[in-house]
PDB file of N, CA and C in Angstrom:
ATOM      1  N   MET A   1       9.058   4.204  29.240  1.00  0.00           N
ATOM      2  CA  MET A   1       8.374   2.916  29.268  1.00  0.00           C
ATOM      3  C   MET A   1       6.920   3.127  28.863  1.00  0.00           C
ATOM      4  N   THR A   2       6.431   2.294  27.981  1.00  0.00           N
ATOM      5  CA  THR A   2       5.064   2.407  27.503  1.00  0.00           C
ATOM      6  C   THR A   2       4.126   1.707  28.476  1.00  0.00           C
ATOM      7  N   GLY A   3       3.079   2.419  28.905  1.00  0.00           N
ATOM      8  CA  GLY A   3       2.098   1.844  29.817  1.00  0.00           C
ATOM      9  C   GLY A   3       1.105   0.982  29.061  1.00  0.00           C
ATOM     10  N   ALA A   4       0.149   0.430  29.806  1.00  0.00           N
ATOM     11  CA  ALA A   4      -0.851  -0.453  29.210  1.00  0.00           C
ATOM     12  C   ALA A   4      -1.645   0.251  28.119  1.00  0.00           C
ATOM     13  N   GLY A   5      -1.994   1.527  28.339  1.00  0.00           N
ATOM     14  CA  GLY A   5      -2.723   2.281  27.317  1.00  0.00           C
ATOM     15  C   GLY A   5      -1.902   2.441  26.058  1.00  0.00           C
ATOM     16  N   GLY A   6      -0.607   2.690  26.218  1.00  0.00           N
ATOM     17  CA  GLY A   6       0.278   2.829  25.060  1.00  0.00           C
ATOM     18  C   GLY A   6       0.419   1.526  24.297  1.00  0.00           C
ATOM     19  N   GLU A   7       0.481   0.427  25.015  1.00  0.00           N
ATOM     20  CA  GLU A   7       0.563  -0.891  24.366  1.00  0.00           C
ATOM     21  C   GLU A   7      -0.707  -1.172  23.576  1.00  0.00           C
ATOM     22  N   ALA A   8      -1.857  -0.812  24.142  1.00  0.00           N
ATOM     23  CA  ALA A   8      -3.126  -1.008  23.447  1.00  0.00           C
ATOM     24  C   ALA A   8      -3.186  -0.128  22.198  1.00  0.00           C
ATOM     25  N   PHE A   9      -2.678   1.101  22.321  1.00  0.00           N
ATOM     26  CA  PHE A   9      -2.642   2.010  21.175  1.00  0.00           C
ATOM     27  C   PHE A   9      -1.774   1.426  20.068  1.00  0.00           C
ATOM     28  N   ILE A  10      -0.599   0.929  20.422  1.00  0.00           N
ATOM     29  CA  ILE A  10       0.309   0.320  19.442  1.00  0.00           C
ATOM     30  C   ILE A  10      -0.371  -0.877  18.769  1.00  0.00           C
ATOM     31  N   ALA A  11      -1.023  -1.713  19.558  1.00  0.00           N
ATOM     32  CA  ALA A  11      -1.732  -2.876  18.997  1.00  0.00           C
ATOM     33  C   ALA A  11      -2.849  -2.424  18.060  1.00  0.00           C
ATOM     34  N   ALA A  12      -3.488  -1.299  18.380  1.00  0.00           N
ATOM     35  CA  ALA A  12      -4.591  -0.810  17.555  1.00  0.00           C
ATOM     36  C   ALA A  12      -4.104  -0.259  16.213  1.00  0.00           C
ATOM     37  N   VAL A  13      -2.953   0.395  16.186  1.00  0.00           N
ATOM     38  CA  VAL A  13      -2.479   0.990  14.928  1.00  0.00           C
ATOM     39  C   VAL A  13      -1.646   0.022  14.096  1.00  0.00           C
ATOM     40  N   LYS A  14      -1.208  -1.084  14.677  1.00  0.00           N
ATOM     41  CA  LYS A  14      -0.358  -2.030  13.954  1.00  0.00           C
ATOM     42  C   LYS A  14      -0.983  -2.537  12.654  1.00  0.00           C
ATOM     43  N   PRO A  15      -2.270  -2.927  12.625  1.00  0.00           N
ATOM     44  CA  PRO A  15      -2.848  -3.381  11.348  1.00  0.00           C
ATOM     45  C   PRO A  15      -2.791  -2.312  10.251  1.00  0.00           C
ATOM     46  N   LEU A  16      -2.970  -1.057  10.625  1.00  0.00           N
ATOM     47  CA  LEU A  16      -2.891   0.028   9.654  1.00  0.00           C
ATOM     48  C   LEU A  16      -1.464   0.184   9.139  1.00  0.00           C
ATOM     49  N   VAL A  17      -0.504   0.168  10.033  1.00  0.00           N
ATOM     50  CA  VAL A  17       0.904   0.285   9.635  1.00  0.00           C
ATOM     51  C   VAL A  17       1.294  -0.892   8.744  1.00  0.00           C
ATOM     52  N   ASP A  18       0.863  -2.087   9.107  1.00  0.00           N
ATOM     53  CA  ASP A  18       1.152  -3.267   8.292  1.00  0.00           C
ATOM     54  C   ASP A  18       0.523  -3.155   6.910  1.00  0.00           C
ATOM     55  N   ALA A  19      -0.727  -2.677   6.856  1.00  0.00           N
ATOM     56  CA  ALA A  19      -1.422  -2.545   5.571  1.00  0.00           C
ATOM     57  C   ALA A  19      -0.720  -1.549   4.659  1.00  0.00           C
ATOM     58  N   MET A  20      -0.091  -0.534   5.244  1.00  0.00           N
ATOM     59  CA  MET A  20       0.643   0.465   4.454  1.00  0.00           C
ATOM     60  C   MET A  20       2.025  -0.028   4.061  1.00  0.00           C
ATOM     61  N   GLY A  21       2.470  -1.101   4.699  1.00  0.00           N
ATOM     62  CA  GLY A  21       3.828  -1.568   4.454  1.00  0.00           C
ATOM     63  C   GLY A  21       4.848  -0.786   5.260  1.00  0.00           C
ATOM     64  N   GLY A  22       4.377  -0.138   6.336  1.00  0.00           N
ATOM     65  CA  GLY A  22       5.267   0.648   7.192  1.00  0.00           C
ATOM     66  C   GLY A  22       5.965  -0.221   8.211  1.00  0.00           C
ATOM     67  N   GLU A  23       6.825   0.431   8.978  1.00  0.00           N
ATOM     68  CA  GLU A  23       7.592  -0.267  10.013  1.00  0.00           C
ATOM     69  C   GLU A  23       7.432   0.506  11.311  1.00  0.00           C
ATOM     70  N   MET A  24       7.204  -0.209  12.404  1.00  0.00           N
ATOM     71  CA  MET A  24       7.079   0.426  13.715  1.00  0.00           C
ATOM     72  C   MET A  24       8.396   0.296  14.461  1.00  0.00           C
ATOM     73  N   LEU A  25       8.806   1.396  15.111  1.00  0.00           N
ATOM     74  CA  LEU A  25      10.027   1.369  15.897  1.00  0.00           C
ATOM     75  C   LEU A  25       9.897   2.290  17.102  1.00  0.00           C
ATOM     76  N   PRO A  26      10.804   2.153  18.068  1.00  0.00           N
ATOM     77  CA  PRO A  26      10.732   3.018  19.241  1.00  0.00           C
ATOM     78  C   PRO A  26      10.863   4.489  18.842  1.00  0.00           C
ATOM     79  N   PRO A  27      10.156   5.371  19.539  1.00  0.00           N
ATOM     80  CA  PRO A  27      10.192   6.795  19.181  1.00  0.00           C
ATOM     81  C   PRO A  27      11.593   7.395  19.189  1.00  0.00           C
ATOM     82  N   ASP A  28      12.470   6.913  20.076  1.00  0.00           N
ATOM     83  CA  ASP A  28      13.821   7.487  20.148  1.00  0.00           C
ATOM     84  C   ASP A  28      14.692   7.056  18.967  1.00  0.00           C
ATOM     85  N   GLU A  29      14.205   6.141  18.137  1.00  0.00           N
ATOM     86  CA  GLU A  29      14.937   5.729  16.936  1.00  0.00           C
ATOM     87  C   GLU A  29      14.364   6.365  15.667  1.00  0.00           C
ATOM     88  N   ALA A  30      13.408   7.277  15.850  1.00  0.00           N
ATOM     89  CA  ALA A  30      12.757   7.912  14.706  1.00  0.00           C
ATOM     90  C   ALA A  30      13.736   8.811  13.956  1.00  0.00           C
ATOM     91  N   GLY A  31      13.656   8.734  12.623  1.00  0.00           N
ATOM     92  CA  GLY A  31      14.420   9.620  11.769  1.00  0.00           C
ATOM     93  C   GLY A  31      13.580  10.828  11.401  1.00  0.00           C
ATOM     94  N   ALA A  32      14.173  11.712  10.630  1.00  0.00           N
ATOM     95  CA  ALA A  32      13.494  12.962  10.258  1.00  0.00           C
ATOM     96  C   ALA A  32      12.225  12.715   9.451  1.00  0.00           C
ATOM     97  N   ASP A  33      12.175  11.644   8.670  1.00  0.00           N
ATOM     98  CA  ASP A  33      11.008  11.367   7.835  1.00  0.00           C
ATOM     99  C   ASP A  33      10.006  10.424   8.486  1.00  0.00           C
ATOM    100  N   ASP A  34      10.294   9.967   9.698  1.00  0.00           N
ATOM    101  CA  ASP A  34       9.380   9.071  10.393  1.00  0.00           C
ATOM    102  C   ASP A  34       8.298   9.875  11.110  1.00  0.00           C
ATOM    103  N   VAL A  35       7.190   9.222  11.400  1.00  0.00           N
ATOM    104  CA  VAL A  35       6.072   9.859  12.093  1.00  0.00           C
ATOM    105  C   VAL A  35       5.992   9.259  13.491  1.00  0.00           C
ATOM    106  N   VAL A  36       6.105  10.116  14.509  1.00  0.00           N
ATOM    107  CA  VAL A  36       5.986   9.656  15.890  1.00  0.00           C
ATOM    108  C   VAL A  36       4.531   9.818  16.313  1.00  0.00           C
ATOM    109  N   LEU A  37       3.932   8.715  16.748  1.00  0.00           N
ATOM    110  CA  LEU A  37       2.555   8.725  17.215  1.00  0.00           C
ATOM    111  C   LEU A  37       2.542   8.845  18.730  1.00  0.00           C
ATOM    112  N   SER A  38       1.703   9.736  19.214  1.00  0.00           N
ATOM    113  CA  SER A  38       1.614   9.980  20.657  1.00  0.00           C
ATOM    114  C   SER A  38       0.324   9.424  21.220  1.00  0.00           C
ATOM    115  N   TRP A  39       0.400   9.036  22.479  1.00  0.00           N
ATOM    116  CA  TRP A  39      -0.772   8.572  23.212  1.00  0.00           C
ATOM    117  C   TRP A  39      -0.720   9.230  24.584  1.00  0.00           C
ATOM    118  N   GLN A  40      -1.770   9.937  24.921  1.00  0.00           N
ATOM    119  CA  GLN A  40      -1.870  10.636  26.198  1.00  0.00           C
ATOM    120  C   GLN A  40      -0.652  11.536  26.438  1.00  0.00           C
ATOM    121  N   GLY A  41      -0.273  12.250  25.382  1.00  0.00           N
ATOM    122  CA  GLY A  41       0.777  13.249  25.494  1.00  0.00           C
ATOM    123  C   GLY A  41       2.201  12.741  25.388  1.00  0.00           C
ATOM    124  N   ALA A  42       2.407  11.466  25.182  1.00  0.00           N
ATOM    125  CA  ALA A  42       3.767  10.928  25.092  1.00  0.00           C
ATOM    126  C   ALA A  42       3.924  10.128  23.804  1.00  0.00           C
ATOM    127  N   GLY A  43       5.072  10.294  23.157  1.00  0.00           N
ATOM    128  CA  GLY A  43       5.367   9.500  21.965  1.00  0.00           C
ATOM    129  C   GLY A  43       5.530   8.045  22.347  1.00  0.00           C
ATOM    130  N   VAL A  44       4.747   7.169  21.725  1.00  0.00           N
ATOM    131  CA  VAL A  44       4.803   5.751  22.089  1.00  0.00           C
ATOM    132  C   VAL A  44       5.352   4.868  20.977  1.00  0.00           C
ATOM    133  N   VAL A  45       5.245   5.329  19.729  1.00  0.00           N
ATOM    134  CA  VAL A  45       5.764   4.517  18.626  1.00  0.00           C
ATOM    135  C   VAL A  45       6.060   5.441  17.445  1.00  0.00           C
ATOM    136  N   ALA A  46       7.101   5.105  16.723  1.00  0.00           N
ATOM    137  CA  ALA A  46       7.417   5.818  15.486  1.00  0.00           C
ATOM    138  C   ALA A  46       7.066   4.904  14.324  1.00  0.00           C
ATOM    139  N   VAL A  47       6.592   5.527  13.251  1.00  0.00           N
ATOM    140  CA  VAL A  47       6.225   4.774  12.060  1.00  0.00           C
ATOM    141  C   VAL A  47       7.098   5.239  10.916  1.00  0.00           C
ATOM    142  N   ARG A  48       7.790   4.297  10.339  1.00  0.00           N
ATOM    143  CA  ARG A  48       8.598   4.570   9.150  1.00  0.00           C
ATOM    144  C   ARG A  48       7.763   4.181   7.944  1.00  0.00           C
ATOM    145  N   LEU A  49       7.372   5.185   7.185  1.00  0.00           N
ATOM    146  CA  LEU A  49       6.538   4.955   6.015  1.00  0.00           C
ATOM    147  C   LEU A  49       7.380   4.382   4.883  1.00  0.00           C
ATOM    148  N   PRO A  50       6.788   3.520   4.081  1.00  0.00           N
ATOM    149  CA  PRO A  50       7.543   2.914   2.983  1.00  0.00           C
ATOM    150  C   PRO A  50       7.740   3.900   1.839  1.00  0.00           C
ATOM    151  N   GLN A  51       8.704   3.612   1.000  1.00  0.00           N
ATOM    152  CA  GLN A  51       8.857   4.370  -0.230  1.00  0.00           C
ATOM    153  C   GLN A  51       7.659   4.053  -1.106  1.00  0.00           C
ATOM    154  N   LEU A  52       7.292   4.960  -1.999  1.00  0.00           N
ATOM    155  CA  LEU A  52       6.106   4.752  -2.825  1.00  0.00           C
ATOM    156  C   LEU A  52       6.169   3.461  -3.632  1.00  0.00           C
ATOM    157  N   ALA A  53       7.325   3.171  -4.212  1.00  0.00           N
ATOM    158  CA  ALA A  53       7.447   1.945  -5.013  1.00  0.00           C
ATOM    159  C   ALA A  53       7.225   0.710  -4.143  1.00  0.00           C
ATOM    160  N   ASP A  54       7.733   0.741  -2.917  1.00  0.00           N
ATOM    161  CA  ASP A  54       7.522  -0.380  -2.001  1.00  0.00           C
ATOM    162  C   ASP A  54       6.048  -0.502  -1.633  1.00  0.00           C
ATOM    163  N   SER A  55       5.380   0.654  -1.502  1.00  0.00           N
ATOM    164  CA  SER A  55       3.948   0.639  -1.187  1.00  0.00           C
ATOM    165  C   SER A  55       3.167  -0.049  -2.291  1.00  0.00           C
ATOM    166  N   LEU A  56       3.503   0.233  -3.537  1.00  0.00           N
ATOM    167  CA  LEU A  56       2.803  -0.394  -4.658  1.00  0.00           C
ATOM    168  C   LEU A  56       2.992  -1.904  -4.622  1.00  0.00           C
ATOM    169  N   ASP A  57       4.209  -2.356  -4.388  1.00  0.00           N
ATOM    170  CA  ASP A  57       4.449  -3.803  -4.271  1.00  0.00           C
ATOM    171  C   ASP A  57       3.630  -4.394  -3.132  1.00  0.00           C
ATOM    172  N   HIS A  58       3.546  -3.669  -2.023  1.00  0.00           N
ATOM    173  CA  HIS A  58       2.791  -4.137  -0.863  1.00  0.00           C
ATOM    174  C   HIS A  58       1.294  -4.212  -1.197  1.00  0.00           C
ATOM    175  N   ILE A  59       0.793  -3.205  -1.899  1.00  0.00           N
ATOM    176  CA  ILE A  59      -0.618  -3.188  -2.298  1.00  0.00           C
ATOM    177  C   ILE A  59      -0.920  -4.360  -3.230  1.00  0.00           C
ATOM    178  N   LEU A  60      -0.031  -4.599  -4.186  1.00  0.00           N
ATOM    179  CA  LEU A  60      -0.239  -5.712  -5.130  1.00  0.00           C
ATOM    180  C   LEU A  60      -0.221  -7.052  -4.409  1.00  0.00           C
ATOM    181  N   ALA A  61       0.684  -7.203  -3.445  1.00  0.00           N
ATOM    182  CA  ALA A  61       0.740  -8.450  -2.676  1.00  0.00           C
ATOM    183  C   ALA A  61      -0.554  -8.637  -1.870  1.00  0.00           C
ATOM    184  N   ALA A  62      -1.071  -7.551  -1.302  1.00  0.00           N
ATOM    185  CA  ALA A  62      -2.328  -7.637  -0.548  1.00  0.00           C
ATOM    186  C   ALA A  62      -3.488  -7.996  -1.471  1.00  0.00           C
ATOM    187  N   LEU A  63      -3.487  -7.446  -2.673  1.00  0.00           N
ATOM    188  CA  LEU A  63      -4.534  -7.789  -3.642  1.00  0.00           C
ATOM    189  C   LEU A  63      -4.471  -9.268  -4.003  1.00  0.00           C
ATOM    190  N   GLU A  64      -3.254  -9.781  -4.179  1.00  0.00           N
ATOM    191  CA  GLU A  64      -3.107 -11.213  -4.476  1.00  0.00           C
ATOM    192  C   GLU A  64      -3.652 -12.061  -3.333  1.00  0.00           C
ATOM    193  N   ARG A  65      -3.329 -11.676  -2.109  1.00  0.00           N
ATOM    194  CA  ARG A  65      -3.864 -12.425  -0.957  1.00  0.00           C
ATOM    195  C   ARG A  65      -5.383 -12.350  -0.944  1.00  0.00           C
ATOM    196  N   GLY A  66      -5.924 -11.175  -1.208  1.00  0.00           N
ATOM    197  CA  GLY A  66      -7.367 -10.983  -1.189  1.00  0.00           C
ATOM    198  C   GLY A  66      -8.097 -11.755  -2.282  1.00  0.00           C
ATOM    199  N   HIS A  67      -7.412 -11.935  -3.415  1.00  0.00           N
ATOM    200  CA  HIS A  67      -8.025 -12.658  -4.534  1.00  0.00           C
ATOM    201  C   HIS A  67      -7.649 -14.139  -4.537  1.00  0.00           C
ATOM    202  N   GLY A  68      -6.834 -14.545  -3.588  1.00  0.00           N
ATOM    203  CA  GLY A  68      -6.517 -15.959  -3.436  1.00  0.00           C
ATOM    204  C   GLY A  68      -5.479 -16.509  -4.399  1.00  0.00           C
ATOM    205  N   GLY A  69      -4.717 -15.639  -5.032  1.00  0.00           N
ATOM    206  CA  GLY A  69      -3.661 -16.114  -5.926  1.00  0.00           C
ATOM    207  C   GLY A  69      -3.163 -15.014  -6.835  1.00  0.00           C
ATOM    208  N   PRO A  70      -2.314 -15.387  -7.772  1.00  0.00           N
ATOM    209  CA  PRO A  70      -1.729 -14.394  -8.674  1.00  0.00           C
ATOM    210  C   PRO A  70      -2.791 -13.605  -9.435  1.00  0.00           C
ATOM    211  N   LEU A  71      -2.563 -12.317  -9.535  1.00  0.00           N
ATOM    212  CA  LEU A  71      -3.502 -11.443 -10.244  1.00  0.00           C
ATOM    213  C   LEU A  71      -3.573 -11.778 -11.725  1.00  0.00           C
ATOM    214  N   ALA A  72      -2.522 -12.355 -12.259  1.00  0.00           N
ATOM    215  CA  ALA A  72      -2.489 -12.705 -13.682  1.00  0.00           C
ATOM    216  C   ALA A  72      -3.571 -13.724 -14.040  1.00  0.00           C
ATOM    217  N   TYR A  73      -4.065 -14.480 -13.053  1.00  0.00           N
ATOM    218  CA  TYR A  73      -5.066 -15.506 -13.321  1.00  0.00           C
ATOM    219  C   TYR A  73      -6.499 -14.979 -13.293  1.00  0.00           C
ATOM    220  N   LEU A  74      -6.666 -13.706 -12.968  1.00  0.00           N
ATOM    221  CA  LEU A  74      -8.003 -13.128 -12.875  1.00  0.00           C
ATOM    222  C   LEU A  74      -8.576 -12.833 -14.253  1.00  0.00           C
ATOM    223  N   ASP A  75      -9.894 -12.716 -14.319  1.00  0.00           N
ATOM    224  CA  ASP A  75     -10.525 -12.390 -15.592  1.00  0.00           C
ATOM    225  C   ASP A  75     -10.336 -10.902 -15.919  1.00  0.00           C
ATOM    226  N   ARG A  76     -10.612 -10.559 -17.150  1.00  0.00           N
ATOM    227  CA  ARG A  76     -10.363  -9.203 -17.643  1.00  0.00           C
ATOM    228  C   ARG A  76     -11.126  -8.156 -16.843  1.00  0.00           C
ATOM    229  N   ARG A  77     -12.384  -8.411 -16.559  1.00  0.00           N
ATOM    230  CA  ARG A  77     -13.192  -7.439 -15.820  1.00  0.00           C
ATOM    231  C   ARG A  77     -12.583  -7.157 -14.444  1.00  0.00           C
ATOM    232  N   THR A  78     -12.147  -8.194 -13.759  1.00  0.00           N
ATOM    233  CA  THR A  78     -11.546  -8.022 -12.436  1.00  0.00           C
ATOM    234  C   THR A  78     -10.238  -7.247 -12.547  1.00  0.00           C
ATOM    235  N   LYS A  79      -9.457  -7.535 -13.570  1.00  0.00           N
ATOM    236  CA  LYS A  79      -8.210  -6.781 -13.782  1.00  0.00           C
ATOM    237  C   LYS A  79      -8.509  -5.305 -14.024  1.00  0.00           C
ATOM    238  N   GLN A  80      -9.565  -5.023 -14.777  1.00  0.00           N
ATOM    239  CA  GLN A  80      -9.944  -3.630 -15.029  1.00  0.00           C
ATOM    240  C   GLN A  80     -10.347  -2.943 -13.720  1.00  0.00           C
ATOM    241  N   GLU A  81     -11.081  -3.645 -12.879  1.00  0.00           N
ATOM    242  CA  GLU A  81     -11.470  -3.088 -11.585  1.00  0.00           C
ATOM    243  C   GLU A  81     -10.238  -2.810 -10.722  1.00  0.00           C
ATOM    244  N   ILE A  82      -9.282  -3.716 -10.766  1.00  0.00           N
ATOM    245  CA  ILE A  82      -8.053  -3.524  -9.998  1.00  0.00           C
ATOM    246  C   ILE A  82      -7.311  -2.292 -10.505  1.00  0.00           C
ATOM    247  N   VAL A  83      -7.219  -2.137 -11.817  1.00  0.00           N
ATOM    248  CA  VAL A  83      -6.532  -0.972 -12.390  1.00  0.00           C
ATOM    249  C   VAL A  83      -7.236   0.311 -11.962  1.00  0.00           C
ATOM    250  N   ARG A  84      -8.568   0.329 -11.990  1.00  0.00           N
ATOM    251  CA  ARG A  84      -9.312   1.524 -11.551  1.00  0.00           C
ATOM    252  C   ARG A  84      -9.023   1.826 -10.088  1.00  0.00           C
ATOM    253  N   GLY A  85      -9.029   0.800  -9.261  1.00  0.00           N
ATOM    254  CA  GLY A  85      -8.739   0.986  -7.837  1.00  0.00           C
ATOM    255  C   GLY A  85      -7.328   1.487  -7.600  1.00  0.00           C
ATOM    256  N   LEU A  86      -6.381   0.931  -8.346  1.00  0.00           N
ATOM    257  CA  LEU A  86      -4.992   1.363  -8.205  1.00  0.00           C
ATOM    258  C   LEU A  86      -4.809   2.799  -8.685  1.00  0.00           C
ATOM    259  N   GLU A  87      -5.516   3.163  -9.735  1.00  0.00           N
ATOM    260  CA  GLU A  87      -5.429   4.543 -10.210  1.00  0.00           C
ATOM    261  C   GLU A  87      -5.952   5.502  -9.145  1.00  0.00           C
ATOM    262  N   ALA A  88      -7.046   5.142  -8.499  1.00  0.00           N
ATOM    263  CA  ALA A  88      -7.621   5.982  -7.450  1.00  0.00           C
ATOM    264  C   ALA A  88      -6.653   6.149  -6.281  1.00  0.00           C
ATOM    265  N   ARG A  89      -5.799   5.157  -6.073  1.00  0.00           N
ATOM    266  CA  ARG A  89      -4.826   5.205  -4.974  1.00  0.00           C
ATOM    267  C   ARG A  89      -3.507   5.833  -5.394  1.00  0.00           C
ATOM    268  N   GLY A  90      -3.409   6.275  -6.651  1.00  0.00           N
ATOM    269  CA  GLY A  90      -2.202   6.961  -7.107  1.00  0.00           C
ATOM    270  C   GLY A  90      -1.085   6.050  -7.565  1.00  0.00           C
ATOM    271  N   ALA A  91      -1.404   4.808  -7.861  1.00  0.00           N
ATOM    272  CA  ALA A  91      -0.367   3.829  -8.220  1.00  0.00           C
ATOM    273  C   ALA A  91       0.403   4.214  -9.479  1.00  0.00           C
ATOM    274  N   PHE A  92      -0.245   4.952 -10.357  1.00  0.00           N
ATOM    275  CA  PHE A  92       0.405   5.241 -11.627  1.00  0.00           C
ATOM    276  C   PHE A  92       1.204   6.540 -11.592  1.00  0.00           C
ATOM    277  N   ALA A  93       1.222   7.187 -10.425  1.00  0.00           N
ATOM    278  CA  ALA A  93       2.084   8.348 -10.226  1.00  0.00           C
ATOM    279  C   ALA A  93       3.486   7.890  -9.812  1.00  0.00           C
ATOM    280  N   VAL A  94       3.591   6.634  -9.406  1.00  0.00           N
ATOM    281  CA  VAL A  94       4.864   6.054  -8.994  1.00  0.00           C
ATOM    282  C   VAL A  94       5.691   5.725 -10.227  1.00  0.00           C
ATOM    283  N   ARG A  95       6.967   6.015 -10.172  1.00  0.00           N
ATOM    284  CA  ARG A  95       7.845   5.681 -11.290  1.00  0.00           C
ATOM    285  C   ARG A  95       7.757   4.183 -11.570  1.00  0.00           C
ATOM    286  N   HIS A  96       7.558   3.832 -12.817  1.00  0.00           N
ATOM    287  CA  HIS A  96       7.415   2.448 -13.278  1.00  0.00           C
ATOM    288  C   HIS A  96       6.149   1.780 -12.749  1.00  0.00           C
ATOM    289  N   GLY A  97       5.175   2.586 -12.315  1.00  0.00           N
ATOM    290  CA  GLY A  97       3.930   2.041 -11.784  1.00  0.00           C
ATOM    291  C   GLY A  97       3.176   1.219 -12.811  1.00  0.00           C
ATOM    292  N   VAL A  98       3.070   1.728 -14.025  1.00  0.00           N
ATOM    293  CA  VAL A  98       2.340   0.997 -15.070  1.00  0.00           C
ATOM    294  C   VAL A  98       3.032  -0.332 -15.344  1.00  0.00           C
ATOM    295  N   GLU A  99       4.343  -0.309 -15.447  1.00  0.00           N
ATOM    296  CA  GLU A  99       5.087  -1.543 -15.711  1.00  0.00           C
ATOM    297  C   GLU A  99       4.924  -2.550 -14.578  1.00  0.00           C
ATOM    298  N   THR A 100       4.971  -2.060 -13.343  1.00  0.00           N
ATOM    299  CA  THR A 100       4.836  -2.942 -12.180  1.00  0.00           C
ATOM    300  C   THR A 100       3.457  -3.587 -12.150  1.00  0.00           C
ATOM    301  N   VAL A 101       2.424  -2.780 -12.387  1.00  0.00           N
ATOM    302  CA  VAL A 101       1.055  -3.301 -12.381  1.00  0.00           C
ATOM    303  C   VAL A 101       0.854  -4.263 -13.553  1.00  0.00           C
ATOM    304  N   ALA A 102       1.347  -3.894 -14.735  1.00  0.00           N
ATOM    305  CA  ALA A 102       1.201  -4.769 -15.904  1.00  0.00           C
ATOM    306  C   ALA A 102       1.829  -6.132 -15.635  1.00  0.00           C
ATOM    307  N   SER A 103       2.997  -6.123 -15.051  1.00  0.00           N
ATOM    308  CA  SER A 103       3.679  -7.382 -14.747  1.00  0.00           C
ATOM    309  C   SER A 103       2.855  -8.224 -13.762  1.00  0.00           C
ATOM    310  N   ALA A 104       2.328  -7.582 -12.720  1.00  0.00           N
ATOM    311  CA  ALA A 104       1.540  -8.307 -11.720  1.00  0.00           C
ATOM    312  C   ALA A 104       0.256  -8.879 -12.328  1.00  0.00           C
ATOM    313  N   LEU A 105      -0.328  -8.144 -13.273  1.00  0.00           N
ATOM    314  CA  LEU A 105      -1.577  -8.593 -13.892  1.00  0.00           C
ATOM    315  C   LEU A 105      -1.343  -9.554 -15.058  1.00  0.00           C
ATOM    316  N   GLY A 106      -0.091  -9.696 -15.480  1.00  0.00           N
ATOM    317  CA  GLY A 106       0.205 -10.584 -16.608  1.00  0.00           C
ATOM    318  C   GLY A 106      -0.280 -10.024 -17.928  1.00  0.00           C
ATOM    319  N   VAL A 107      -0.257  -8.688 -18.037  1.00  0.00           N
ATOM    320  CA  VAL A 107      -0.681  -8.018 -19.268  1.00  0.00           C
ATOM    321  C   VAL A 107       0.423  -7.050 -19.697  1.00  0.00           C
ATOM    322  N   SER A 108       0.242  -6.469 -20.869  1.00  0.00           N
ATOM    323  CA  SER A 108       1.220  -5.496 -21.357  1.00  0.00           C
ATOM    324  C   SER A 108       0.924  -4.112 -20.786  1.00  0.00           C
ATOM    325  N   ARG A 109       1.911  -3.235 -20.873  1.00  0.00           N
ATOM    326  CA  ARG A 109       1.695  -1.836 -20.484  1.00  0.00           C
ATOM    327  C   ARG A 109       0.570  -1.237 -21.315  1.00  0.00           C
ATOM    328  N   PHE A 110       0.556  -1.581 -22.602  1.00  0.00           N
ATOM    329  CA  PHE A 110      -0.467  -1.088 -23.513  1.00  0.00           C
ATOM    330  C   PHE A 110      -1.863  -1.448 -22.998  1.00  0.00           C
ATOM    331  N   THR A 111      -2.017  -2.670 -22.495  1.00  0.00           N
ATOM    332  CA  THR A 111      -3.306  -3.114 -21.965  1.00  0.00           C
ATOM    333  C   THR A 111      -3.693  -2.291 -20.740  1.00  0.00           C
ATOM    334  N   VAL A 112      -2.740  -2.038 -19.855  1.00  0.00           N
ATOM    335  CA  VAL A 112      -3.038  -1.206 -18.678  1.00  0.00           C
ATOM    336  C   VAL A 112      -3.478   0.179 -19.125  1.00  0.00           C
ATOM    337  N   TYR A 113      -2.769   0.773 -20.094  1.00  0.00           N
ATOM    338  CA  TYR A 113      -3.173   2.092 -20.606  1.00  0.00           C
ATOM    339  C   TYR A 113      -4.563   2.029 -21.223  1.00  0.00           C
ATOM    340  N   ASN A 114      -4.876   0.936 -21.927  1.00  0.00           N
ATOM    341  CA  ASN A 114      -6.222   0.773 -22.485  1.00  0.00           C
ATOM    342  C   ASN A 114      -7.276   0.730 -21.383  1.00  0.00           C
ATOM    343  N   TYR A 115      -6.990   0.006 -20.303  1.00  0.00           N
ATOM    344  CA  TYR A 115      -7.922  -0.047 -19.171  1.00  0.00           C
ATOM    345  C   TYR A 115      -8.133   1.354 -18.615  1.00  0.00           C
ATOM    346  N   LEU A 116      -7.059   2.105 -18.472  1.00  0.00           N
ATOM    347  CA  LEU A 116      -7.150   3.461 -17.931  1.00  0.00           C
ATOM    348  C   LEU A 116      -7.927   4.382 -18.877  1.00  0.00           C
ATOM    349  N   ASN A 117      -7.629   4.309 -20.151  1.00  0.00           N
ATOM    350  CA  ASN A 117      -8.290   5.168 -21.136  1.00  0.00           C
ATOM    351  C   ASN A 117      -9.753   4.798 -21.309  1.00  0.00           C
ATOM    352  N   ARG A 118     -10.060   3.506 -21.221  1.00  0.00           N
ATOM    353  CA  ARG A 118     -11.455   3.054 -21.352  1.00  0.00           C
ATOM    354  C   ARG A 118     -12.291   3.651 -20.234  1.00  0.00           C
ATOM    355  N   GLU A 119     -11.739   3.689 -19.035  1.00  0.00           N
ATOM    356  CA  GLU A 119     -12.469   4.243 -17.897  1.00  0.00           C
ATOM    357  C   GLU A 119     -12.702   5.746 -18.103  1.00  0.00           C
ATOM    358  N   LYS A 120     -11.720   6.456 -18.614  1.00  0.00           N
ATOM    359  CA  LYS A 120     -11.850   7.899 -18.802  1.00  0.00           C
ATOM    360  C   LYS A 120     -12.817   8.216 -19.937  1.00  0.00           C
ATOM    361  N   GLY A 121     -12.930   7.307 -20.898  1.00  0.00           N
ATOM    362  CA  GLY A 121     -13.812   7.526 -22.035  1.00  0.00           C
ATOM    363  C   GLY A 121     -15.259   7.200 -21.747  1.00  0.00           C
ATOM    364  N   SER A 122     -15.526   6.465 -20.643  1.00  0.00           N
ATOM    365  CA  SER A 122     -16.915   6.085 -20.375  1.00  0.00           C
ATOM    366  C   SER A 122     -17.592   6.986 -19.386  1.00  0.00           C
TER     367      SER A 122
END
């Protein structure tokens, strides 16, 4: 049974788990790839991390919420900033990452590569 401190710990880490697109579950339901978080020496919650492709979708959805609508409606400069930020987070190491980002931004893969190459050239 989780005590008051454990409940507070779970409440404190929930925004982080949500931002990552993870799932919280009881520690006794943790699988081999899940991370069990402990509080005061006892496992209080397990975190199931998302697959990388799911993380990218989650990041793009958060960006849309943050920008107040579809990323495709943003201006070119903002799209370039988003591509730089996504590159820093490893978005393009994910299989089909460029295609996923291009689709979300309403641009071609070629345009995303141009944004990436422009940054490396400057």
